Amino acid sequence: MRDDLPETVPSAHRLEAWTTAGDLLGCWDGTEAAAVLELVATFPGEEGMRCFNPGYAIWAYSADGEFLFDLEFCYRCNWVGVREQGQRQRLVPFEPESVPAKELLARFLAFEPSTRD
């Protein structure tokens, strides 16, 4: 398991641009949330490129609603933007064609209204 990604309950978001909040797609909790974070933790590393225009994000909050961290995924340039409470964002490279990255993308797409029909 990768130790550079924080752990807690995530929610999935579709981002319009990396500077905007985007729309809430859905939430995971309990064992499903743990499975999603374990999936992210198993992403293999990759050489990142430059665009960083993430399309999806996981925002994590504590049970009492306090912001803990967010993970913003750019499947074009192979970076995950990691922002923890009180910290500056850092970029962690990942392999978007890996099995865990593809599975996470499928989970994001499952929330999209156009892919549910």
Protein backbone atom coordinates (compact mmCIF):
# COMPACT_ATOMS: atom_id res chain seq x y z
CA MET A 1 0.00 0.00 0.00
CA ARG A 2 1.32 3.46 -0.89
CA ASP A 3 1.95 5.67 2.12
CA ASP A 4 1.91 9.01 0.25
CA LEU A 5 -1.91 9.04 -0.04
CA PRO A 6 -4.09 9.80 3.02
CA GLU A 7 -6.85 7.42 4.12
CA THR A 8 -10.49 8.20 5.07
CA VAL A 9 -14.02 8.29 3.63
CA PRO A 10 -14.01 9.62 0.02
CA SER A 11 -16.60 11.12 -2.30
CA ALA A 12 -16.24 11.24 -6.09
CA HIS A 13 -16.45 14.49 -8.06
CA ARG A 14 -16.48 15.33 -11.76
CA LEU A 15 -14.31 18.41 -12.27
CA GLU A 16 -14.97 21.08 -14.89
CA ALA A 17 -11.45 22.47 -14.69
CA TRP A 18 -8.80 22.09 -12.05
CA THR A 19 -9.64 25.52 -10.64
CA THR A 20 -13.36 24.79 -10.13
CA ALA A 21 -15.18 22.60 -7.67
CA GLY A 22 -17.24 20.61 -10.21
CA ASP A 23 -20.33 18.54 -9.46
CA LEU A 24 -20.77 15.85 -6.84
CA LEU A 25 -21.20 12.52 -8.61
CA GLY A 26 -21.71 10.31 -5.56
CA CYS A 27 -20.22 9.13 -2.29
CA TRP A 28 -18.61 5.99 -0.99
CA ASP A 29 -18.59 4.98 2.67
CA GLY A 30 -17.67 2.03 4.83
CA THR A 31 -16.10 -0.93 3.08
CA GLU A 32 -16.71 0.59 -0.35
CA ALA A 33 -14.76 3.72 0.63
CA ALA A 34 -11.95 1.56 1.97
CA ALA A 35 -11.90 -0.44 -1.28
CA VAL A 36 -11.66 2.75 -3.37
CA LEU A 37 -8.77 4.12 -1.30
CA GLU A 38 -7.01 0.74 -1.41
CA LEU A 39 -7.42 0.82 -5.18
CA VAL A 40 -5.78 4.26 -5.36
CA ALA A 41 -3.00 3.08 -3.06
CA THR A 42 -2.13 0.28 -5.50
CA PHE A 43 -1.64 2.60 -8.50
CA PRO A 44 1.82 1.99 -9.97
CA GLY A 45 4.00 5.05 -10.53
CA GLU A 46 4.55 6.59 -13.96
CA GLU A 47 6.43 9.51 -15.45
CA GLY A 48 4.11 12.51 -15.33
CA MET A 49 3.55 14.98 -18.15
CA ARG A 50 2.56 18.64 -17.94
CA CYS A 51 -1.13 19.36 -18.54
CA PHE A 52 -2.63 18.57 -15.09
CA ASN A 53 -6.25 19.22 -15.98
CA PRO A 54 -7.94 16.67 -13.71
CA GLY A 55 -11.31 15.31 -14.70
CA TYR A 56 -12.20 13.56 -11.44
CA ALA A 57 -11.52 14.00 -7.75
CA ILE A 58 -12.10 12.28 -4.44
CA TRP A 59 -12.85 14.67 -1.58
CA ALA A 60 -12.57 13.17 1.89
CA TYR A 61 -14.21 14.48 5.04
CA SER A 62 -14.30 13.21 8.61
CA ALA A 63 -17.54 11.91 10.12
CA ASP A 64 -18.22 15.40 11.53
CA GLY A 65 -17.74 17.08 8.14
CA GLU A 66 -14.18 18.38 8.55
CA PHE A 67 -12.15 18.45 5.32
CA LEU A 68 -9.31 15.90 5.41
CA PHE A 69 -7.89 15.69 1.88
CA ASP A 70 -8.67 15.60 -1.81
CA LEU A 71 -7.20 13.60 -4.67
CA GLU A 72 -7.54 15.07 -8.18
CA PHE A 73 -6.89 12.68 -11.08
CA CYS A 74 -5.64 13.70 -14.51
CA TYR A 75 -5.75 10.63 -16.76
CA ARG A 76 -4.06 12.60 -19.57
CA CYS A 77 -0.81 13.55 -17.86
CA ASN A 78 -0.60 10.77 -15.24
CA TRP A 79 -0.74 12.92 -12.08
CA VAL A 80 -2.79 12.73 -8.89
CA GLY A 81 -2.96 16.07 -7.11
CA VAL A 82 -2.92 15.41 -3.36
CA ARG A 83 -4.06 18.20 -1.04
CA GLU A 84 -4.31 17.63 2.70
CA GLN A 85 -5.76 20.02 5.25
CA GLY A 86 -3.38 22.93 5.77
CA GLN A 87 -0.94 21.67 3.12
CA ARG A 88 -0.06 22.79 -0.39
CA GLN A 89 -1.02 20.47 -3.18
CA ARG A 90 1.60 17.97 -4.29
CA LEU A 91 1.58 15.87 -7.44
CA VAL A 92 2.05 12.09 -7.36
CA PRO A 93 2.53 10.30 -10.70
CA PHE A 94 0.43 7.23 -11.59
CA GLU A 95 0.01 4.83 -14.53
CA PRO A 96 -3.46 5.55 -16.03
CA GLU A 97 -3.45 2.30 -18.02
CA SER A 98 -2.90 0.14 -14.93
CA VAL A 99 -5.66 -2.17 -13.72
CA PRO A 100 -6.36 -0.18 -10.51
CA ALA A 101 -6.43 3.16 -12.37
CA LYS A 102 -8.83 1.75 -14.96
CA GLU A 103 -11.03 0.29 -12.21
CA LEU A 104 -11.18 3.65 -10.43
CA LEU A 105 -12.06 5.40 -13.70
CA ALA A 106 -14.86 2.85 -14.20
CA ARG A 107 -16.16 3.68 -10.71
CA PHE A 108 -16.13 7.40 -11.55
CA LEU A 109 -17.91 6.73 -14.86
CA ALA A 110 -20.54 4.61 -13.08
CA PHE A 111 -21.66 7.80 -11.30
CA GLU A 112 -22.03 9.71 -14.60
CA PRO A 113 -25.71 9.91 -15.68
CA SER A 114 -24.83 9.22 -19.33
CA THR A 115 -23.15 5.90 -18.44
CA ARG A 116 -25.91 4.50 -16.19
CA ASP A 117 -28.40 3.71 -18.97
